[in-house]
Amino acid sequence: VDPVDPVDPVDPVDPVDPGRLLALLGEPADARVETRTLDEFLARHIERSDPLDAVARANRARYEALRDALRAELAGVRVLRVGEGRVRCYVVGSDPSGRIAGLATVALET
């Protein structure tokens, strides 16, 4: 997985059925899953970023633009965090045709 990969659009999935969505994404049915809002997922890069760090300030604008683009293009955006240690993060929502689309990235946690 590159730093951020697209999630190819898939047929509509019931938003309250994360198990079906995981299957479509190729994740095991018994995987540990945590659901977050987009704001919760991006908070450390936006609301909690260091205002004295020039790199963090520059990145904050990028994350704000990403958040705004995801909200503009996808309805019901949510984040599924799958696994432990090497956590696969899927930021997904419904595109205008009702298909699930978004992006994926990996968070390394210890």
PDB file of N, CA and C in Angstrom:
ATOM      1  N   VAL A   1       0.845  -1.176   0.000  1.00  0.00           N
ATOM      2  CA  VAL A   1       0.000   0.000   0.000  1.00  0.00           C
ATOM      3  C   VAL A   1       0.891   1.240   0.000  1.00  0.00           C
ATOM      4  N   ASP A   2       0.653   2.133  -0.938  1.00  0.00           N
ATOM      5  CA  ASP A   2       1.349   3.416  -0.944  1.00  0.00           C
ATOM      6  C   ASP A   2       0.819   4.229   0.232  1.00  0.00           C
ATOM      7  N   PRO A   3       1.397   5.420   0.491  1.00  0.00           N
ATOM      8  CA  PRO A   3       0.872   6.212   1.609  1.00  0.00           C
ATOM      9  C   PRO A   3      -0.641   6.375   1.552  1.00  0.00           C
ATOM     10  N   VAL A   4      -1.179   6.578   0.365  1.00  0.00           N
ATOM     11  CA  VAL A   4      -2.641   6.648   0.192  1.00  0.00           C
ATOM     12  C   VAL A   4      -2.969   6.014  -1.143  1.00  0.00           C
ATOM     13  N   ASP A   5      -3.860   5.031  -1.126  1.00  0.00           N
ATOM     14  CA  ASP A   5      -4.313   4.353  -2.334  1.00  0.00           C
ATOM     15  C   ASP A   5      -5.807   4.582  -2.502  1.00  0.00           C
ATOM     16  N   PRO A   6      -6.287   4.635  -3.746  1.00  0.00           N
ATOM     17  CA  PRO A   6      -7.734   4.741  -3.934  1.00  0.00           C
ATOM     18  C   PRO A   6      -8.407   3.411  -3.601  1.00  0.00           C
ATOM     19  N   VAL A   7      -9.614   3.504  -3.124  1.00  0.00           N
ATOM     20  CA  VAL A   7     -10.467   2.320  -2.987  1.00  0.00           C
ATOM     21  C   VAL A   7     -11.343   2.334  -4.215  1.00  0.00           C
ATOM     22  N   ASP A   8     -11.179   1.314  -5.054  1.00  0.00           N
ATOM     23  CA  ASP A   8     -11.970   1.264  -6.279  1.00  0.00           C
ATOM     24  C   ASP A   8     -13.443   1.150  -5.936  1.00  0.00           C
ATOM     25  N   PRO A   9     -14.290   1.882  -6.651  1.00  0.00           N
ATOM     26  CA  PRO A   9     -15.729   1.836  -6.361  1.00  0.00           C
ATOM     27  C   PRO A   9     -16.269   0.414  -6.429  1.00  0.00           C
ATOM     28  N   VAL A  10     -17.083   0.077  -5.440  1.00  0.00           N
ATOM     29  CA  VAL A  10     -17.758  -1.220  -5.416  1.00  0.00           C
ATOM     30  C   VAL A  10     -19.251  -0.975  -5.293  1.00  0.00           C
ATOM     31  N   ASP A  11     -20.019  -1.992  -5.605  1.00  0.00           N
ATOM     32  CA  ASP A  11     -21.473  -1.862  -5.538  1.00  0.00           C
ATOM     33  C   ASP A  11     -21.910  -1.362  -4.168  1.00  0.00           C
ATOM     34  N   PRO A  12     -23.105  -0.794  -4.117  1.00  0.00           N
ATOM     35  CA  PRO A  12     -23.608  -0.275  -2.838  1.00  0.00           C
ATOM     36  C   PRO A  12     -23.574  -1.333  -1.737  1.00  0.00           C
ATOM     37  N   VAL A  13     -23.254  -0.872  -0.556  1.00  0.00           N
ATOM     38  CA  VAL A  13     -23.201  -1.730   0.623  1.00  0.00           C
ATOM     39  C   VAL A  13     -23.984  -1.043   1.719  1.00  0.00           C
ATOM     40  N   ASP A  14     -24.761  -1.803   2.461  1.00  0.00           N
ATOM     41  CA  ASP A  14     -25.507  -1.253   3.585  1.00  0.00           C
ATOM     42  C   ASP A  14     -24.503  -0.648   4.568  1.00  0.00           C
ATOM     43  N   PRO A  15     -24.624   0.650   4.891  1.00  0.00           N
ATOM     44  CA  PRO A  15     -23.644   1.296   5.760  1.00  0.00           C
ATOM     45  C   PRO A  15     -23.587   0.707   7.163  1.00  0.00           C
ATOM     46  N   VAL A  16     -24.611  -0.031   7.577  1.00  0.00           N
ATOM     47  CA  VAL A  16     -24.555  -0.636   8.902  1.00  0.00           C
ATOM     48  C   VAL A  16     -24.032  -2.071   8.845  1.00  0.00           C
ATOM     49  N   ASP A  17     -23.502  -2.489   7.691  1.00  0.00           N
ATOM     50  CA  ASP A  17     -22.971  -3.837   7.531  1.00  0.00           C
ATOM     51  C   ASP A  17     -21.478  -3.788   7.219  1.00  0.00           C
ATOM     52  N   PRO A  18     -20.637  -3.463   8.228  1.00  0.00           N
ATOM     53  CA  PRO A  18     -19.204  -3.387   7.957  1.00  0.00           C
ATOM     54  C   PRO A  18     -18.616  -4.732   7.540  1.00  0.00           C
ATOM     55  N   GLY A  19     -19.231  -5.835   7.956  1.00  0.00           N
ATOM     56  CA  GLY A  19     -18.730  -7.151   7.563  1.00  0.00           C
ATOM     57  C   GLY A  19     -18.743  -7.347   6.063  1.00  0.00           C
ATOM     58  N   ARG A  20     -19.821  -6.947   5.418  1.00  0.00           N
ATOM     59  CA  ARG A  20     -19.916  -7.066   3.953  1.00  0.00           C
ATOM     60  C   ARG A  20     -18.902  -6.149   3.279  1.00  0.00           C
ATOM     61  N   LEU A  21     -18.752  -4.949   3.807  1.00  0.00           N
ATOM     62  CA  LEU A  21     -17.773  -4.018   3.246  1.00  0.00           C
ATOM     63  C   LEU A  21     -16.363  -4.591   3.375  1.00  0.00           C
ATOM     64  N   LEU A  22     -16.040  -5.170   4.530  1.00  0.00           N
ATOM     65  CA  LEU A  22     -14.722  -5.779   4.714  1.00  0.00           C
ATOM     66  C   LEU A  22     -14.478  -6.883   3.698  1.00  0.00           C
ATOM     67  N   ALA A  23     -15.491  -7.690   3.460  1.00  0.00           N
ATOM     68  CA  ALA A  23     -15.349  -8.767   2.476  1.00  0.00           C
ATOM     69  C   ALA A  23     -15.047  -8.192   1.095  1.00  0.00           C
ATOM     70  N   LEU A  24     -15.749  -7.126   0.707  1.00  0.00           N
ATOM     71  CA  LEU A  24     -15.510  -6.502  -0.594  1.00  0.00           C
ATOM     72  C   LEU A  24     -14.110  -5.896  -0.682  1.00  0.00           C
ATOM     73  N   LEU A  25     -13.572  -5.487   0.466  1.00  0.00           N
ATOM     74  CA  LEU A  25     -12.228  -4.904   0.496  1.00  0.00           C
ATOM     75  C   LEU A  25     -11.136  -5.966   0.627  1.00  0.00           C
ATOM     76  N   GLY A  26     -11.546  -7.229   0.739  1.00  0.00           N
ATOM     77  CA  GLY A  26     -10.575  -8.312   0.829  1.00  0.00           C
ATOM     78  C   GLY A  26     -10.041  -8.556   2.227  1.00  0.00           C
ATOM     79  N   GLU A  27     -10.743  -8.075   3.231  1.00  0.00           N
ATOM     80  CA  GLU A  27     -10.315  -8.269   4.611  1.00  0.00           C
ATOM     81  C   GLU A  27     -10.996  -9.500   5.203  1.00  0.00           C
ATOM     82  N   PRO A  28     -10.327 -10.190   6.144  1.00  0.00           N
ATOM     83  CA  PRO A  28     -10.942 -11.366   6.766  1.00  0.00           C
ATOM     84  C   PRO A  28     -12.148 -10.990   7.625  1.00  0.00           C
ATOM     85  N   ALA A  29     -13.131 -11.875   7.652  1.00  0.00           N
ATOM     86  CA  ALA A  29     -14.376 -11.618   8.393  1.00  0.00           C
ATOM     87  C   ALA A  29     -14.136 -11.465   9.889  1.00  0.00           C
ATOM     88  N   ASP A  30     -13.096 -12.112  10.411  1.00  0.00           N
ATOM     89  CA  ASP A  30     -12.844 -12.071  11.853  1.00  0.00           C
ATOM     90  C   ASP A  30     -11.841 -10.986  12.252  1.00  0.00           C
ATOM     91  N   ALA A  31     -11.524 -10.081  11.330  1.00  0.00           N
ATOM     92  CA  ALA A  31     -10.550  -9.017  11.617  1.00  0.00           C
ATOM     93  C   ALA A  31     -11.093  -8.065  12.680  1.00  0.00           C
ATOM     94  N   ARG A  32     -10.187  -7.530  13.491  1.00  0.00           N
ATOM     95  CA  ARG A  32     -10.555  -6.506  14.471  1.00  0.00           C
ATOM     96  C   ARG A  32     -10.868  -5.225  13.699  1.00  0.00           C
ATOM     97  N   VAL A  33     -12.049  -4.638  13.939  1.00  0.00           N
ATOM     98  CA  VAL A  33     -12.480  -3.442  13.209  1.00  0.00           C
ATOM     99  C   VAL A  33     -12.891  -2.368  14.198  1.00  0.00           C
ATOM    100  N   GLU A  34     -12.426  -1.165  13.934  1.00  0.00           N
ATOM    101  CA  GLU A  34     -12.814   0.010  14.709  1.00  0.00           C
ATOM    102  C   GLU A  34     -13.337   1.036  13.713  1.00  0.00           C
ATOM    103  N   THR A  35     -14.500   1.597  13.987  1.00  0.00           N
ATOM    104  CA  THR A  35     -15.083   2.601  13.097  1.00  0.00           C
ATOM    105  C   THR A  35     -14.907   3.982  13.721  1.00  0.00           C
ATOM    106  N   ARG A  36     -14.492   4.935  12.898  1.00  0.00           N
ATOM    107  CA  ARG A  36     -14.321   6.318  13.343  1.00  0.00           C
ATOM    108  C   ARG A  36     -14.971   7.255  12.335  1.00  0.00           C
ATOM    109  N   THR A  37     -15.260   8.459  12.812  1.00  0.00           N
ATOM    110  CA  THR A  37     -15.703   9.501  11.891  1.00  0.00           C
ATOM    111  C   THR A  37     -14.478  10.045  11.167  1.00  0.00           C
ATOM    112  N   LEU A  38     -14.717  10.743  10.084  1.00  0.00           N
ATOM    113  CA  LEU A  38     -13.619  11.362   9.348  1.00  0.00           C
ATOM    114  C   LEU A  38     -12.906  12.384  10.236  1.00  0.00           C
ATOM    115  N   ASP A  39     -13.673  13.169  11.005  1.00  0.00           N
ATOM    116  CA  ASP A  39     -13.063  14.168  11.885  1.00  0.00           C
ATOM    117  C   ASP A  39     -12.178  13.519  12.949  1.00  0.00           C
ATOM    118  N   GLU A  40     -12.642  12.414  13.517  1.00  0.00           N
ATOM    119  CA  GLU A  40     -11.825  11.710  14.518  1.00  0.00           C
ATOM    120  C   GLU A  40     -10.541  11.187  13.890  1.00  0.00           C
ATOM    121  N   PHE A  41     -10.651  10.649  12.696  1.00  0.00           N
ATOM    122  CA  PHE A  41      -9.494  10.076  12.006  1.00  0.00           C
ATOM    123  C   PHE A  41      -8.442  11.135  11.678  1.00  0.00           C
ATOM    124  N   LEU A  42      -8.878  12.322  11.274  1.00  0.00           N
ATOM    125  CA  LEU A  42      -7.946  13.377  10.859  1.00  0.00           C
ATOM    126  C   LEU A  42      -7.570  14.352  11.974  1.00  0.00           C
ATOM    127  N   ALA A  43      -8.134  14.206  13.149  1.00  0.00           N
ATOM    128  CA  ALA A  43      -7.931  15.184  14.233  1.00  0.00           C
ATOM    129  C   ALA A  43      -6.471  15.432  14.557  1.00  0.00           C
ATOM    130  N   ARG A  44      -5.641  14.403  14.599  1.00  0.00           N
ATOM    131  CA  ARG A  44      -4.235  14.625  14.974  1.00  0.00           C
ATOM    132  C   ARG A  44      -3.481  15.428  13.924  1.00  0.00           C
ATOM    133  N   HIS A  45      -4.008  15.473  12.709  1.00  0.00           N
ATOM    134  CA  HIS A  45      -3.363  16.237  11.636  1.00  0.00           C
ATOM    135  C   HIS A  45      -3.974  17.622  11.458  1.00  0.00           C
ATOM    136  N   ILE A  46      -5.152  17.836  12.043  1.00  0.00           N
ATOM    137  CA  ILE A  46      -5.836  19.121  11.876  1.00  0.00           C
ATOM    138  C   ILE A  46      -5.983  19.813  13.231  1.00  0.00           C
ATOM    139  N   GLU A  47      -6.907  19.354  14.052  1.00  0.00           N
ATOM    140  CA  GLU A  47      -7.184  20.029  15.330  1.00  0.00           C
ATOM    141  C   GLU A  47      -6.025  19.941  16.321  1.00  0.00           C
ATOM    142  N   ARG A  48      -5.322  18.810  16.320  1.00  0.00           N
ATOM    143  CA  ARG A  48      -4.264  18.625  17.321  1.00  0.00           C
ATOM    144  C   ARG A  48      -2.857  18.771  16.753  1.00  0.00           C
ATOM    145  N   SER A  49      -2.719  19.328  15.552  1.00  0.00           N
ATOM    146  CA  SER A  49      -1.380  19.502  14.983  1.00  0.00           C
ATOM    147  C   SER A  49      -0.664  20.636  15.708  1.00  0.00           C
ATOM    148  N   ASP A  50       0.657  20.574  15.731  1.00  0.00           N
ATOM    149  CA  ASP A  50       1.487  21.545  16.443  1.00  0.00           C
ATOM    150  C   ASP A  50       1.544  22.858  15.665  1.00  0.00           C
ATOM    151  N   PRO A  51       0.978  23.939  16.200  1.00  0.00           N
ATOM    152  CA  PRO A  51       0.971  25.215  15.466  1.00  0.00           C
ATOM    153  C   PRO A  51       2.358  25.847  15.336  1.00  0.00           C
ATOM    154  N   LEU A  52       3.328  25.377  16.111  1.00  0.00           N
ATOM    155  CA  LEU A  52       4.685  25.928  16.036  1.00  0.00           C
ATOM    156  C   LEU A  52       5.584  25.150  15.077  1.00  0.00           C
ATOM    157  N   ASP A  53       5.083  24.066  14.533  1.00  0.00           N
ATOM    158  CA  ASP A  53       5.844  23.223  13.622  1.00  0.00           C
ATOM    159  C   ASP A  53       5.457  23.583  12.186  1.00  0.00           C
ATOM    160  N   ALA A  54       6.423  24.116  11.419  1.00  0.00           N
ATOM    161  CA  ALA A  54       6.147  24.574  10.053  1.00  0.00           C
ATOM    162  C   ALA A  54       5.651  23.438   9.157  1.00  0.00           C
ATOM    163  N   VAL A  55       6.218  22.256   9.302  1.00  0.00           N
ATOM    164  CA  VAL A  55       5.793  21.117   8.489  1.00  0.00           C
ATOM    165  C   VAL A  55       4.367  20.730   8.854  1.00  0.00           C
ATOM    166  N   ALA A  56       4.063  20.695  10.148  1.00  0.00           N
ATOM    167  CA  ALA A  56       2.706  20.356  10.594  1.00  0.00           C
ATOM    168  C   ALA A  56       1.696  21.387  10.083  1.00  0.00           C
ATOM    169  N   ARG A  57       2.088  22.660  10.082  1.00  0.00           N
ATOM    170  CA  ARG A  57       1.182  23.703   9.568  1.00  0.00           C
ATOM    171  C   ARG A  57       0.905  23.494   8.084  1.00  0.00           C
ATOM    172  N   ALA A  58       1.951  23.186   7.315  1.00  0.00           N
ATOM    173  CA  ALA A  58       1.775  22.957   5.880  1.00  0.00           C
ATOM    174  C   ALA A  58       0.926  21.713   5.639  1.00  0.00           C
ATOM    175  N   ASN A  59       1.174  20.669   6.406  1.00  0.00           N
ATOM    176  CA  ASN A  59       0.402  19.440   6.251  1.00  0.00           C
ATOM    177  C   ASN A  59      -1.045  19.630   6.677  1.00  0.00           C
ATOM    178  N   ARG A  60      -1.265  20.491   7.657  1.00  0.00           N
ATOM    179  CA  ARG A  60      -2.634  20.730   8.118  1.00  0.00           C
ATOM    180  C   ARG A  60      -3.511  21.206   6.961  1.00  0.00           C
ATOM    181  N   ALA A  61      -3.002  22.136   6.173  1.00  0.00           N
ATOM    182  CA  ALA A  61      -3.773  22.636   5.031  1.00  0.00           C
ATOM    183  C   ALA A  61      -4.085  21.512   4.045  1.00  0.00           C
ATOM    184  N   ARG A  62      -3.146  20.601   3.849  1.00  0.00           N
ATOM    185  CA  ARG A  62      -3.369  19.467   2.945  1.00  0.00           C
ATOM    186  C   ARG A  62      -4.453  18.540   3.487  1.00  0.00           C
ATOM    187  N   TYR A  63      -4.389  18.259   4.784  1.00  0.00           N
ATOM    188  CA  TYR A  63      -5.398  17.381   5.390  1.00  0.00           C
ATOM    189  C   TYR A  63      -6.776  18.041   5.383  1.00  0.00           C
ATOM    190  N   GLU A  64      -6.820  19.351   5.568  1.00  0.00           N
ATOM    191  CA  GLU A  64      -8.103  20.057   5.491  1.00  0.00           C
ATOM    192  C   GLU A  64      -8.673  19.959   4.077  1.00  0.00           C
ATOM    193  N   ALA A  65      -7.813  20.099   3.075  1.00  0.00           N
ATOM    194  CA  ALA A  65      -8.258  19.988   1.676  1.00  0.00           C
ATOM    195  C   ALA A  65      -8.739  18.567   1.373  1.00  0.00           C
ATOM    196  N   LEU A  66      -8.026  17.572   1.895  1.00  0.00           N
ATOM    197  CA  LEU A  66      -8.435  16.186   1.715  1.00  0.00           C
ATOM    198  C   LEU A  66      -9.794  15.939   2.363  1.00  0.00           C
ATOM    199  N   ARG A  67      -9.960  16.398   3.593  1.00  0.00           N
ATOM    200  CA  ARG A  67     -11.236  16.255   4.304  1.00  0.00           C
ATOM    201  C   ARG A  67     -12.369  16.890   3.507  1.00  0.00           C
ATOM    202  N   ASP A  68     -12.142  18.107   3.045  1.00  0.00           N
ATOM    203  CA  ASP A  68     -13.178  18.826   2.306  1.00  0.00           C
ATOM    204  C   ASP A  68     -13.527  18.125   0.991  1.00  0.00           C
ATOM    205  N   ALA A  69     -12.510  17.598   0.295  1.00  0.00           N
ATOM    206  CA  ALA A  69     -12.750  16.886  -0.963  1.00  0.00           C
ATOM    207  C   ALA A  69     -13.538  15.596  -0.720  1.00  0.00           C
ATOM    208  N   LEU A  70     -13.178  14.861   0.328  1.00  0.00           N
ATOM    209  CA  LEU A  70     -13.906  13.628   0.635  1.00  0.00           C
ATOM    210  C   LEU A  70     -15.365  13.929   0.967  1.00  0.00           C
ATOM    211  N   ARG A  71     -15.593  14.961   1.742  1.00  0.00           N
ATOM    212  CA  ARG A  71     -16.968  15.339   2.091  1.00  0.00           C
ATOM    213  C   ARG A  71     -17.761  15.802   0.870  1.00  0.00           C
ATOM    214  N   ALA A  72     -17.086  16.500  -0.045  1.00  0.00           N
ATOM    215  CA  ALA A  72     -17.777  17.009  -1.235  1.00  0.00           C
ATOM    216  C   ALA A  72     -18.127  15.891  -2.219  1.00  0.00           C
ATOM    217  N   GLU A  73     -17.286  14.866  -2.295  1.00  0.00           N
ATOM    218  CA  GLU A  73     -17.459  13.822  -3.301  1.00  0.00           C
ATOM    219  C   GLU A  73     -18.185  12.581  -2.804  1.00  0.00           C
ATOM    220  N   LEU A  74     -18.161  12.338  -1.487  1.00  0.00           N
ATOM    221  CA  LEU A  74     -18.735  11.108  -0.950  1.00  0.00           C
ATOM    222  C   LEU A  74     -19.733  11.408   0.162  1.00  0.00           C
ATOM    223  N   ALA A  75     -20.829  10.699   0.171  1.00  0.00           N
ATOM    224  CA  ALA A  75     -21.821  10.839   1.238  1.00  0.00           C
ATOM    225  C   ALA A  75     -21.529   9.816   2.331  1.00  0.00           C
ATOM    226  N   GLY A  76     -21.798  10.198   3.575  1.00  0.00           N
ATOM    227  CA  GLY A  76     -21.666   9.262   4.684  1.00  0.00           C
ATOM    228  C   GLY A  76     -20.267   8.753   4.913  1.00  0.00           C
ATOM    229  N   VAL A  77     -19.272   9.619   4.767  1.00  0.00           N
ATOM    230  CA  VAL A  77     -17.877   9.188   4.911  1.00  0.00           C
ATOM    231  C   VAL A  77     -17.625   8.670   6.320  1.00  0.00           C
ATOM    232  N   ARG A  78     -16.961   7.524   6.385  1.00  0.00           N
ATOM    233  CA  ARG A  78     -16.552   6.941   7.663  1.00  0.00           C
ATOM    234  C   ARG A  78     -15.211   6.244   7.465  1.00  0.00           C
ATOM    235  N   VAL A  79     -14.573   5.907   8.561  1.00  0.00           N
ATOM    236  CA  VAL A  79     -13.266   5.266   8.511  1.00  0.00           C
ATOM    237  C   VAL A  79     -13.352   3.922   9.217  1.00  0.00           C
ATOM    238  N   LEU A  80     -12.896   2.888   8.532  1.00  0.00           N
ATOM    239  CA  LEU A  80     -12.779   1.570   9.131  1.00  0.00           C
ATOM    240  C   LEU A  80     -11.297   1.301   9.348  1.00  0.00           C
ATOM    241  N   ARG A  81     -10.933   1.057  10.597  1.00  0.00           N
ATOM    242  CA  ARG A  81      -9.549   0.715  10.950  1.00  0.00           C
ATOM    243  C   ARG A  81      -9.528  -0.782  11.214  1.00  0.00           C
ATOM    244  N   VAL A  82      -8.733  -1.504  10.410  1.00  0.00           N
ATOM    245  CA  VAL A  82      -8.763  -2.961  10.430  1.00  0.00           C
ATOM    246  C   VAL A  82      -7.409  -3.520  10.851  1.00  0.00           C
ATOM    247  N   GLY A  83      -7.446  -4.395  11.859  1.00  0.00           N
ATOM    248  CA  GLY A  83      -6.234  -5.067  12.305  1.00  0.00           C
ATOM    249  C   GLY A  83      -5.596  -4.396  13.499  1.00  0.00           C
ATOM    250  N   GLU A  84      -4.418  -4.909  13.855  1.00  0.00           N
ATOM    251  CA  GLU A  84      -3.650  -4.381  14.979  1.00  0.00           C
ATOM    252  C   GLU A  84      -2.188  -4.271  14.559  1.00  0.00           C
ATOM    253  N   GLY A  85      -1.465  -3.309  15.133  1.00  0.00           N
ATOM    254  CA  GLY A  85      -0.062  -3.112  14.774  1.00  0.00           C
ATOM    255  C   GLY A  85       0.062  -2.387  13.445  1.00  0.00           C
ATOM    256  N   ARG A  86      -0.133  -3.130  12.369  1.00  0.00           N
ATOM    257  CA  ARG A  86      -0.173  -2.552  11.017  1.00  0.00           C
ATOM    258  C   ARG A  86      -1.648  -2.417  10.657  1.00  0.00           C
ATOM    259  N   VAL A  87      -2.241  -1.284  11.002  1.00  0.00           N
ATOM    260  CA  VAL A  87      -3.684  -1.066  10.882  1.00  0.00           C
ATOM    261  C   VAL A  87      -4.006  -0.521   9.496  1.00  0.00           C
ATOM    262  N   ARG A  88      -4.861  -1.243   8.778  1.00  0.00           N
ATOM    263  CA  ARG A  88      -5.313  -0.787   7.480  1.00  0.00           C
ATOM    264  C   ARG A  88      -6.504   0.133   7.690  1.00  0.00           C
ATOM    265  N   CYS A  89      -6.411   1.331   7.134  1.00  0.00           N
ATOM    266  CA  CYS A  89      -7.440   2.353   7.333  1.00  0.00           C
ATOM    267  C   CYS A  89      -8.137   2.612   6.001  1.00  0.00           C
ATOM    268  N   TYR A  90      -9.449   2.406   6.000  1.00  0.00           N
ATOM    269  CA  TYR A  90     -10.263   2.637   4.805  1.00  0.00           C
ATOM    270  C   TYR A  90     -11.182   3.820   5.072  1.00  0.00           C
ATOM    271  N   VAL A  91     -11.005   4.875   4.292  1.00  0.00           N
ATOM    272  CA  VAL A  91     -11.862   6.062   4.379  1.00  0.00           C
ATOM    273  C   VAL A  91     -12.844   5.928   3.226  1.00  0.00           C
ATOM    274  N   VAL A  92     -14.088   5.606   3.543  1.00  0.00           N
ATOM    275  CA  VAL A  92     -15.053   5.270   2.491  1.00  0.00           C
ATOM    276  C   VAL A  92     -16.380   5.992   2.686  1.00  0.00           C
ATOM    277  N   GLY A  93     -17.074   6.147   1.583  1.00  0.00           N
ATOM    278  CA  GLY A  93     -18.404   6.728   1.571  1.00  0.00           C
ATOM    279  C   GLY A  93     -19.068   6.349   0.260  1.00  0.00           C
ATOM    280  N   SER A  94     -20.238   6.877   0.007  1.00  0.00           N
ATOM    281  CA  SER A  94     -20.976   6.570  -1.219  1.00  0.00           C
ATOM    282  C   SER A  94     -20.741   7.656  -2.257  1.00  0.00           C
ATOM    283  N   ASP A  95     -20.378   7.229  -3.480  1.00  0.00           N
ATOM    284  CA  ASP A  95     -20.213   8.202  -4.559  1.00  0.00           C
ATOM    285  C   ASP A  95     -21.601   8.577  -5.096  1.00  0.00           C
ATOM    286  N   PRO A  96     -21.681   9.521  -6.041  1.00  0.00           N
ATOM    287  CA  PRO A  96     -22.995   9.976  -6.530  1.00  0.00           C
ATOM    288  C   PRO A  96     -23.877   8.856  -7.103  1.00  0.00           C
ATOM    289  N   SER A  97     -23.268   7.768  -7.571  1.00  0.00           N
ATOM    290  CA  SER A  97     -24.068   6.657  -8.107  1.00  0.00           C
ATOM    291  C   SER A  97     -24.434   5.639  -7.024  1.00  0.00           C
ATOM    292  N   GLY A  98     -24.000   5.903  -5.779  1.00  0.00           N
ATOM    293  CA  GLY A  98     -24.336   5.013  -4.675  1.00  0.00           C
ATOM    294  C   GLY A  98     -23.315   3.935  -4.395  1.00  0.00           C
ATOM    295  N   ARG A  99     -22.247   3.883  -5.191  1.00  0.00           N
ATOM    296  CA  ARG A  99     -21.202   2.888  -4.958  1.00  0.00           C
ATOM    297  C   ARG A  99     -20.275   3.347  -3.839  1.00  0.00           C
ATOM    298  N   ILE A 100     -19.663   2.390  -3.164  1.00  0.00           N
ATOM    299  CA  ILE A 100     -18.702   2.698  -2.114  1.00  0.00           C
ATOM    300  C   ILE A 100     -17.365   3.030  -2.766  1.00  0.00           C
ATOM    301  N   ALA A 101     -16.752   4.149  -2.377  1.00  0.00           N
ATOM    302  CA  ALA A 101     -15.461   4.579  -2.898  1.00  0.00           C
ATOM    303  C   ALA A 101     -14.716   5.296  -1.791  1.00  0.00           C
ATOM    304  N   GLY A 102     -13.434   5.573  -2.006  1.00  0.00           N
ATOM    305  CA  GLY A 102     -12.658   6.293  -1.004  1.00  0.00           C
ATOM    306  C   GLY A 102     -11.186   6.062  -1.169  1.00  0.00           C
ATOM    307  N   LEU A 103     -10.491   5.982  -0.041  1.00  0.00           N
ATOM    308  CA  LEU A 103      -9.039   5.769  -0.073  1.00  0.00           C
ATOM    309  C   LEU A 103      -8.638   4.853   1.063  1.00  0.00           C
ATOM    310  N   ALA A 104      -7.438   4.303   0.924  1.00  0.00           N
ATOM    311  CA  ALA A 104      -6.901   3.402   1.944  1.00  0.00           C
ATOM    312  C   ALA A 104      -5.486   3.818   2.274  1.00  0.00           C
ATOM    313  N   THR A 105      -5.105   3.621   3.530  1.00  0.00           N
ATOM    314  CA  THR A 105      -3.742   3.876   3.965  1.00  0.00           C
ATOM    315  C   THR A 105      -3.438   2.923   5.113  1.00  0.00           C
ATOM    316  N   VAL A 106      -2.214   2.958   5.592  1.00  0.00           N
ATOM    317  CA  VAL A 106      -1.793   2.077   6.680  1.00  0.00           C
ATOM    318  C   VAL A 106      -1.227   2.927   7.798  1.00  0.00           C
ATOM    319  N   ALA A 107      -1.627   2.600   9.032  1.00  0.00           N
ATOM    320  CA  ALA A 107      -1.064   3.245  10.209  1.00  0.00           C
ATOM    321  C   ALA A 107      -0.279   2.197  10.988  1.00  0.00           C
ATOM    322  N   LEU A 108       0.978   2.492  11.293  1.00  0.00           N
ATOM    323  CA  LEU A 108       1.793   1.591  12.088  1.00  0.00           C
ATOM    324  C   LEU A 108       1.697   2.023  13.533  1.00  0.00           C
ATOM    325  N   GLU A 109       1.179   1.141  14.383  1.00  0.00           N
ATOM    326  CA  GLU A 109       0.962   1.469  15.785  1.00  0.00           C
ATOM    327  C   GLU A 109       1.684   0.451  16.662  1.00  0.00           C
ATOM    328  N   THR A 110       2.256   0.960  17.740  1.00  0.00           N
ATOM    329  CA  THR A 110       2.946   0.063  18.669  1.00  0.00           C
ATOM    330  C   THR A 110       2.259   0.043  20.003  1.00  0.00           C
TER     331      THR A 110
END
